[in-house]
C-alpha cells in the first residue's frame, strides 16, 4: 500500500494530504528510468571492456591456437625452402657438372611474381604481416619448384644422351704421342717465335714431321676446311656437339671434307708447316661454348694417371710456341 504524504499549510495551520499530479508522476518515472539506464550502461561498458564473455574466451583460445599453428607452418615452409635450396645446389654443382651443362642462373631460380596488389586481399587483419609473408614464401617455393622440375627434365635428357656425349667429347691427343715427347708448347702465355714477346697461346702445339697423321679427338661433323697461307694456315674445325669444337691448324694434307661425319681416332689430316709457323707442327685447340679452354684437361682417354701428372708438370715450364 503506497504511503500517504502530508504537507503543513501555513495559512490554514493544518496538515493537508499531498496528491501527485500525472506530470509529476511521469517526470519521476522518467528520472528513475534515466538513472537506471545510465547505471546499466556503465556496468555494461565496464563488463565488455574488462570482462570476457564465455564465447569471447573461446574465440580468443582458438585465435591463440591458430597463431601457434601458423608459426609451426611457417617453420615448415622454411624447412622446405632449405631442402629446395639444397636440391638447387646439387643440381648446379653436381648433376649439371657431370653432364657438362651450364648451371641455372639465380635470376631464373629466384624469379618473383608481378603485381603490386597480389596480396591486397590479405591486408587489414591483425596478423596480416605474418600471413602475407608466409604466402610470399609459398609463392617463391612454387616458382622455384617449377624451375627445378624443368632443370631435372633437362638433366634427364642429358643422362639419356650421356653415351653419345662421352663419344663426342674430345678426349684423346690428336697425334700419336705415347712417349709425350711431341708436346712442345702448352696453353697459356708463351714467347712468340717471331715477335719474341709474351703472348697468350690458346692451344697446344705438337711438334711432328710433315706428314704425321692427325686424328679426330671425338665424334663430330667437319664444320670447316680452310686453306690459307696466313695465321693458322690450313686448318680444320670439327663440331662435336654439346658445345664442343676442336681446331687443327698448320695442316699439310686434308683427309676429310666439310660436312663429313667423323669418329674419335679417325684420320682427318697430316701435320704441316703452313701459315705463321716456324717448324712442322700441329696447333690444337678446344672450344667449349665458344670459349677456348685448356686441351690438357681433355687427354683422359689415352693417358695413365702417371702420364697425366707428367703432362701437367711439363705444362708449367716456360716454353716458346711454334706459331
Protein backbone atom coordinates (compact mmCIF):
# COMPACT_ATOMS: atom_id res chain seq x y z
CA UNK A 1 0.00 0.00 0.00
CA UNK A 2 1.57 3.32 -1.07
CA UNK A 3 2.47 5.76 1.65
CA UNK A 4 0.33 8.87 2.03
CA UNK A 5 2.33 12.09 2.23
CA UNK A 6 1.15 15.24 4.07
CA UNK A 7 2.22 18.85 3.85
CA UNK A 8 1.72 21.59 6.53
CA UNK A 9 -0.30 24.52 5.30
CA UNK A 10 0.93 27.67 6.99
CA UNK A 11 -2.19 29.62 6.17
CA UNK A 12 -4.70 27.14 7.48
CA UNK A 13 -2.30 25.79 10.03
CA UNK A 14 -3.35 22.28 9.11
CA UNK A 15 -1.74 19.20 7.54
CA UNK A 16 -3.01 18.51 4.11
CA UNK A 17 -2.62 15.39 2.02
CA UNK A 18 -0.14 15.78 -0.91
CA UNK A 19 -1.59 14.50 -4.12
CA UNK A 20 0.92 13.90 -7.01
CA UNK A 21 -0.15 15.08 -10.45
CA UNK A 22 0.22 12.94 -13.58
CA UNK A 23 3.06 15.19 -14.81
CA UNK A 24 4.92 14.76 -11.55
CA UNK A 25 4.47 11.02 -11.70
CA UNK A 26 5.72 10.89 -15.31
CA UNK A 27 8.78 13.00 -14.53
CA UNK A 28 9.60 10.87 -11.55
CA UNK A 29 9.28 7.70 -13.59
CA UNK A 30 11.47 9.13 -16.34
CA UNK A 31 14.07 10.15 -13.75
CA UNK A 32 14.17 6.64 -12.37
CA UNK A 33 14.44 5.15 -15.85
CA UNK A 34 17.21 7.56 -16.87
CA UNK A 35 19.21 6.86 -13.75
CA UNK A 36 18.85 3.14 -14.26
CA UNK A 37 19.85 3.40 -17.91
CA UNK A 38 22.99 5.36 -17.11
CA UNK A 39 23.96 2.91 -14.41
CA UNK A 40 23.23 -0.05 -16.66
CA UNK A 41 25.29 1.50 -19.49
CA UNK A 42 28.25 1.99 -17.16
CA UNK A 43 28.02 -1.58 -15.93
CA UNK A 44 27.74 -2.96 -19.48
CA UNK A 45 30.65 -0.82 -20.68
CA UNK A 46 32.88 -1.99 -17.85
CA UNK A 47 31.83 -5.59 -18.38
CA UNK A 48 32.55 -5.56 -22.12
CA UNK A 49 35.84 -3.70 -21.63
CA UNK A 50 37.39 -5.66 -18.80
CA UNK A 51 35.47 -8.91 -18.76
CA UNK A 52 35.14 -11.57 -21.50
CA UNK A 53 32.05 -13.50 -22.19
CA UNK A 54 32.36 -17.29 -22.42
CA UNK A 55 32.08 -17.05 -26.22
CA UNK A 56 34.81 -14.42 -26.39
CA UNK A 57 37.07 -16.53 -24.21
CA UNK A 58 36.55 -19.48 -26.53
CA UNK A 59 37.30 -17.37 -29.63
CA UNK A 60 40.47 -16.00 -28.06
CA UNK A 61 41.66 -19.50 -27.28
CA UNK A 62 41.01 -20.51 -30.89
CA UNK A 63 42.90 -17.47 -32.19
CA UNK A 64 45.87 -18.24 -29.94
CA UNK A 65 45.85 -21.82 -31.23
CA UNK A 66 45.73 -20.61 -34.85
CA UNK A 67 48.68 -18.26 -34.23
CA UNK A 68 50.73 -21.11 -32.77
CA UNK A 69 49.85 -23.42 -35.66
CA UNK A 70 50.71 -20.66 -38.13
CA UNK A 71 54.18 -20.38 -36.57
CA UNK A 72 54.63 -24.12 -36.99
CA UNK A 73 53.54 -23.86 -40.62
CA UNK A 74 55.99 -21.00 -41.21
CA UNK A 75 58.81 -23.10 -39.74
CA UNK A 76 57.86 -25.98 -42.05
CA UNK A 77 57.91 -23.60 -45.01
CA UNK A 78 61.44 -22.55 -44.06
CA UNK A 79 62.47 -26.21 -43.86
CA UNK A 80 61.05 -26.88 -47.34
CA UNK A 81 62.85 -23.80 -48.65
CA UNK A 82 66.13 -25.11 -47.21
CA UNK A 83 65.58 -28.52 -48.84
CA UNK A 84 64.81 -26.86 -52.17
CA UNK A 85 67.95 -24.72 -51.88
CA UNK A 86 69.99 -27.87 -51.26
CA UNK A 87 68.44 -29.52 -54.34
CA UNK A 88 69.29 -26.47 -56.45
CA UNK A 89 72.88 -26.52 -55.18
CA UNK A 90 73.27 -30.21 -56.02
CA UNK A 91 71.67 -29.66 -59.41
CA UNK A 92 74.06 -26.84 -60.34
CA UNK A 93 77.27 -28.22 -58.80
CA UNK A 94 76.89 -31.99 -59.22
CA UNK A 95 74.27 -33.18 -61.70
CA UNK A 96 74.73 -30.45 -64.30
CA UNK A 97 78.52 -30.57 -63.93
CA UNK A 98 78.51 -34.34 -64.60
CA UNK A 99 76.59 -33.82 -67.83
CA UNK A 100 78.52 -30.72 -68.94
CA UNK A 101 75.52 -28.39 -68.62
CA UNK A 102 75.54 -24.76 -67.57
CA UNK A 103 74.05 -24.07 -64.10
CA UNK A 104 70.66 -22.40 -63.85
CA UNK A 105 71.16 -18.70 -63.15
CA UNK A 106 69.99 -17.15 -59.88
CA UNK A 107 67.86 -14.71 -61.86
CA UNK A 108 65.83 -17.63 -63.19
CA UNK A 109 65.70 -19.55 -59.91
CA UNK A 110 64.66 -16.51 -57.84
CA UNK A 111 62.18 -15.07 -60.33
CA UNK A 112 59.33 -13.33 -58.47
CA UNK A 113 55.70 -12.62 -59.17
CA UNK A 114 54.36 -9.47 -60.76
CA UNK A 115 51.53 -7.26 -59.49
CA UNK A 116 51.55 -4.89 -56.55
CA UNK A 117 48.10 -5.88 -55.30
CA UNK A 118 48.65 -9.63 -55.40
CA UNK A 119 48.35 -9.83 -51.61
CA UNK A 120 45.94 -6.93 -51.03
CA UNK A 121 43.09 -9.27 -50.09
CA UNK A 122 45.15 -10.44 -47.10
CA UNK A 123 45.65 -6.95 -45.68
CA UNK A 124 43.62 -5.33 -42.90
CA UNK A 125 43.87 -8.11 -40.33
CA UNK A 126 45.70 -8.26 -37.02
CA UNK A 127 48.18 -10.85 -38.34
CA UNK A 128 48.29 -9.68 -41.96
CA UNK A 129 52.08 -9.32 -41.96
CA UNK A 130 52.65 -12.93 -40.93
CA UNK A 131 50.07 -14.25 -43.38
CA UNK A 132 51.36 -12.21 -46.33
CA UNK A 133 54.98 -13.16 -45.68
CA UNK A 134 54.11 -16.86 -45.47
CA UNK A 135 52.11 -16.70 -48.70
CA UNK A 136 55.04 -14.95 -50.39
CA UNK A 137 57.36 -17.75 -49.26
CA UNK A 138 54.95 -20.35 -50.65
CA UNK A 139 54.81 -18.50 -53.97
CA UNK A 140 58.60 -18.37 -54.15
CA UNK A 141 58.87 -22.08 -53.36
CA UNK A 142 56.27 -22.86 -56.02
CA UNK A 143 58.19 -20.83 -58.59
CA UNK A 144 61.50 -22.48 -57.68
CA UNK A 145 59.90 -25.94 -57.82
CA UNK A 146 58.74 -25.26 -61.38
CA UNK A 147 62.26 -24.17 -62.37
CA UNK A 148 63.82 -27.17 -60.60
CA UNK A 149 61.40 -29.56 -62.26
CA UNK A 150 62.30 -28.20 -65.71
CA UNK A 151 66.00 -28.44 -64.82
CA UNK A 152 65.65 -32.09 -63.83
CA UNK A 153 63.81 -32.76 -67.10
CA UNK A 154 66.82 -31.29 -68.92
CA UNK A 155 69.28 -33.32 -66.84
CA UNK A 156 67.23 -36.45 -67.57
CA UNK A 157 67.53 -35.82 -71.30
CA UNK A 158 71.26 -35.22 -70.88
CA UNK A 159 71.57 -38.51 -68.99
CA UNK A 160 69.84 -40.38 -71.83
CA UNK A 161 72.34 -38.82 -74.26
CA UNK A 162 75.34 -39.41 -71.97
CA UNK A 163 76.79 -42.19 -74.12
CA UNK A 164 76.63 -40.01 -77.22
CA UNK A 165 78.12 -37.07 -75.31
CA UNK A 166 81.02 -39.17 -73.98
CA UNK A 167 81.83 -40.26 -77.53
CA UNK A 168 81.75 -36.66 -78.75
CA UNK A 169 83.88 -35.05 -76.03
CA UNK A 170 87.43 -34.52 -77.38
CA UNK A 171 89.25 -36.92 -75.05
CA UNK A 172 92.46 -38.08 -76.79
CA UNK A 173 95.61 -36.48 -78.19
CA UNK A 174 95.27 -35.57 -81.88
CA UNK A 175 98.60 -37.21 -82.83
CA UNK A 176 100.28 -40.40 -81.71
CA UNK A 177 102.32 -39.37 -78.67
CA UNK A 178 103.00 -42.36 -76.46
CA UNK A 179 106.25 -41.01 -75.05
CA UNK A 180 104.85 -37.46 -74.58
CA UNK A 181 107.82 -36.02 -76.48
CA UNK A 182 105.72 -34.30 -79.16
CA UNK A 183 104.24 -31.75 -76.74
CA UNK A 184 106.27 -28.62 -77.45
CA UNK A 185 104.15 -25.67 -76.29
CA UNK A 186 101.23 -25.52 -73.89
CA UNK A 187 98.12 -23.40 -73.26
CA UNK A 188 98.81 -20.02 -71.66
CA UNK A 189 101.25 -17.15 -72.03
CA UNK A 190 104.24 -18.18 -74.15
CA UNK A 191 107.02 -16.40 -76.09
CA UNK A 192 106.03 -15.69 -79.70
CA UNK A 193 108.67 -17.25 -82.02
CA UNK A 194 108.58 -14.33 -84.45
CA UNK A 195 107.87 -11.24 -82.35
CA UNK A 196 109.75 -12.53 -79.27
CA UNK A 197 107.14 -11.17 -76.86
CA UNK A 198 104.89 -12.97 -74.40
CA UNK A 199 101.51 -13.65 -75.98
CA UNK A 200 98.58 -15.80 -74.97
CA UNK A 201 98.74 -19.18 -76.68
CA UNK A 202 95.14 -20.56 -76.80
CA UNK A 203 96.06 -24.15 -77.61
CA UNK A 204 98.75 -26.84 -77.55
CA UNK A 205 101.49 -27.41 -80.14
CA UNK A 206 102.54 -30.93 -81.11
CA UNK A 207 105.93 -30.99 -82.81
CA UNK A 208 105.99 -33.67 -85.54
CA UNK A 209 107.46 -34.26 -89.01
CA UNK A 210 105.44 -33.21 -92.04
CA UNK A 211 103.03 -35.97 -92.98
CA UNK A 212 102.44 -37.21 -89.42
CA UNK A 213 98.86 -38.41 -89.10
CA UNK A 214 96.29 -36.23 -87.26
CA UNK A 215 93.22 -37.85 -85.70
CA UNK A 216 89.83 -36.51 -84.66
CA UNK A 217 89.72 -36.38 -80.86
CA UNK A 218 85.97 -37.06 -80.66
CA UNK A 219 82.91 -37.91 -82.77
CA UNK A 220 81.54 -34.98 -84.73
CA UNK A 221 80.95 -33.26 -88.04
CA UNK A 222 83.57 -31.36 -90.02
CA UNK A 223 82.41 -27.76 -89.78
CA UNK A 224 85.17 -26.02 -91.69
CA UNK A 225 88.03 -26.95 -94.05
CA UNK A 226 90.15 -23.87 -94.77
CA UNK A 227 93.21 -23.39 -96.96
CA UNK A 228 95.31 -20.37 -96.06
CA UNK A 229 98.91 -19.12 -96.14
CA UNK A 230 98.41 -16.83 -93.14
CA UNK A 231 97.84 -17.19 -89.43
CA UNK A 232 96.87 -20.77 -88.63
CA UNK A 233 97.37 -21.79 -92.25
CA UNK A 234 95.44 -24.80 -93.48
CA UNK A 235 93.03 -25.84 -90.75
CA UNK A 236 90.04 -28.00 -89.88
CA UNK A 237 87.28 -27.26 -87.37
CA UNK A 238 85.12 -30.13 -86.11
CA UNK A 239 81.80 -29.56 -84.35
CA UNK A 240 81.36 -32.29 -81.74
CA UNK A 241 78.01 -31.08 -80.42
CA UNK A 242 77.24 -30.48 -76.75
CA UNK A 243 79.03 -27.11 -77.05
CA UNK A 244 82.42 -28.60 -78.11
CA UNK A 245 84.54 -27.70 -81.14
CA UNK A 246 88.15 -28.58 -81.97
CA UNK A 247 90.57 -26.89 -84.36
CA UNK A 248 93.58 -28.47 -86.07
CA UNK A 249 95.94 -25.93 -87.69
CA UNK A 250 99.06 -25.75 -89.96
CA UNK A 251 97.85 -28.84 -91.84
CA UNK A 252 99.75 -30.29 -94.82
CA UNK A 253 97.13 -32.57 -96.38
CA UNK A 254 93.37 -32.84 -95.73
CA UNK A 255 91.78 -36.29 -95.38
CA UNK A 256 88.17 -35.16 -94.83
CA UNK A 257 85.74 -32.68 -96.39
CA UNK A 258 83.29 -30.15 -94.97
CA UNK A 259 80.07 -31.73 -93.67
CA UNK A 260 81.61 -35.18 -93.26
CA UNK A 261 80.88 -37.16 -90.09
CA UNK A 262 83.95 -38.40 -88.24
CA UNK A 263 84.64 -40.73 -85.32
CA UNK A 264 87.13 -40.40 -82.50
CA UNK A 265 90.52 -41.67 -83.69
CA UNK A 266 89.67 -41.25 -87.38
CA UNK A 267 92.41 -39.89 -89.66
CA UNK A 268 91.46 -36.35 -90.74
CA UNK A 269 94.74 -34.74 -91.92
CA UNK A 270 98.53 -34.73 -91.75
CA UNK A 271 100.91 -32.38 -89.96
CA UNK A 272 102.32 -29.49 -91.99
CA UNK A 273 104.07 -26.15 -91.75
CA UNK A 274 101.52 -23.79 -93.32
CA UNK A 275 100.62 -20.25 -92.23
CA UNK A 276 102.50 -18.47 -89.45
CA UNK A 277 104.64 -21.43 -88.41
CA UNK A 278 108.35 -21.79 -87.67
CA UNK A 279 108.51 -25.60 -87.93
CA UNK A 280 106.27 -28.53 -88.83
CA UNK A 281 103.75 -28.99 -86.03
CA UNK A 282 100.07 -29.22 -85.17
CA UNK A 283 98.37 -26.38 -83.32
CA UNK A 284 95.37 -27.89 -81.49
CA UNK A 285 92.52 -26.02 -79.75
CA UNK A 286 89.34 -26.98 -77.88
CA UNK A 287 86.40 -24.59 -77.65
CA UNK A 288 83.60 -25.10 -75.12
CA UNK A 289 80.55 -22.91 -75.67
CA UNK A 290 82.61 -20.60 -77.91
CA UNK A 291 85.34 -20.20 -75.26
CA UNK A 292 88.85 -21.56 -75.76
CA UNK A 293 89.80 -23.94 -72.96
CA UNK A 294 92.99 -25.76 -71.99
CA UNK A 295 93.19 -29.00 -74.04
CA UNK A 296 95.45 -30.61 -71.45
CA UNK A 297 92.41 -31.29 -69.25
CA UNK A 298 90.86 -33.45 -72.01
CA UNK A 299 93.61 -36.04 -72.50
CA UNK A 300 91.99 -38.51 -70.14
CA UNK A 301 91.27 -41.38 -72.56
CA UNK A 302 94.81 -42.18 -73.69
CA UNK A 303 96.96 -41.21 -70.68
CA UNK A 304 97.57 -43.10 -67.47
CA UNK A 305 97.35 -41.15 -64.18
CA UNK A 306 101.16 -41.08 -64.01
CA UNK A 307 101.45 -39.80 -67.59
CA UNK A 308 98.79 -37.20 -66.95
CA UNK A 309 100.68 -35.94 -63.89
CA UNK A 310 103.82 -35.68 -66.03
CA UNK A 311 101.98 -33.65 -68.66
CA UNK A 312 100.62 -31.30 -66.01
CA UNK A 313 104.13 -30.79 -64.61
CA UNK A 314 105.58 -30.13 -68.09
CA UNK A 315 102.87 -27.59 -68.84
CA UNK A 316 104.14 -25.34 -66.08
CA UNK A 317 107.58 -24.95 -67.59
CA UNK A 318 108.38 -21.91 -69.78
CA UNK A 319 108.33 -22.74 -73.49
CA UNK A 320 108.13 -20.98 -76.84
CA UNK A 321 105.22 -21.56 -79.17
CA UNK A 322 105.83 -22.63 -82.78
CA UNK A 323 103.22 -20.28 -84.31
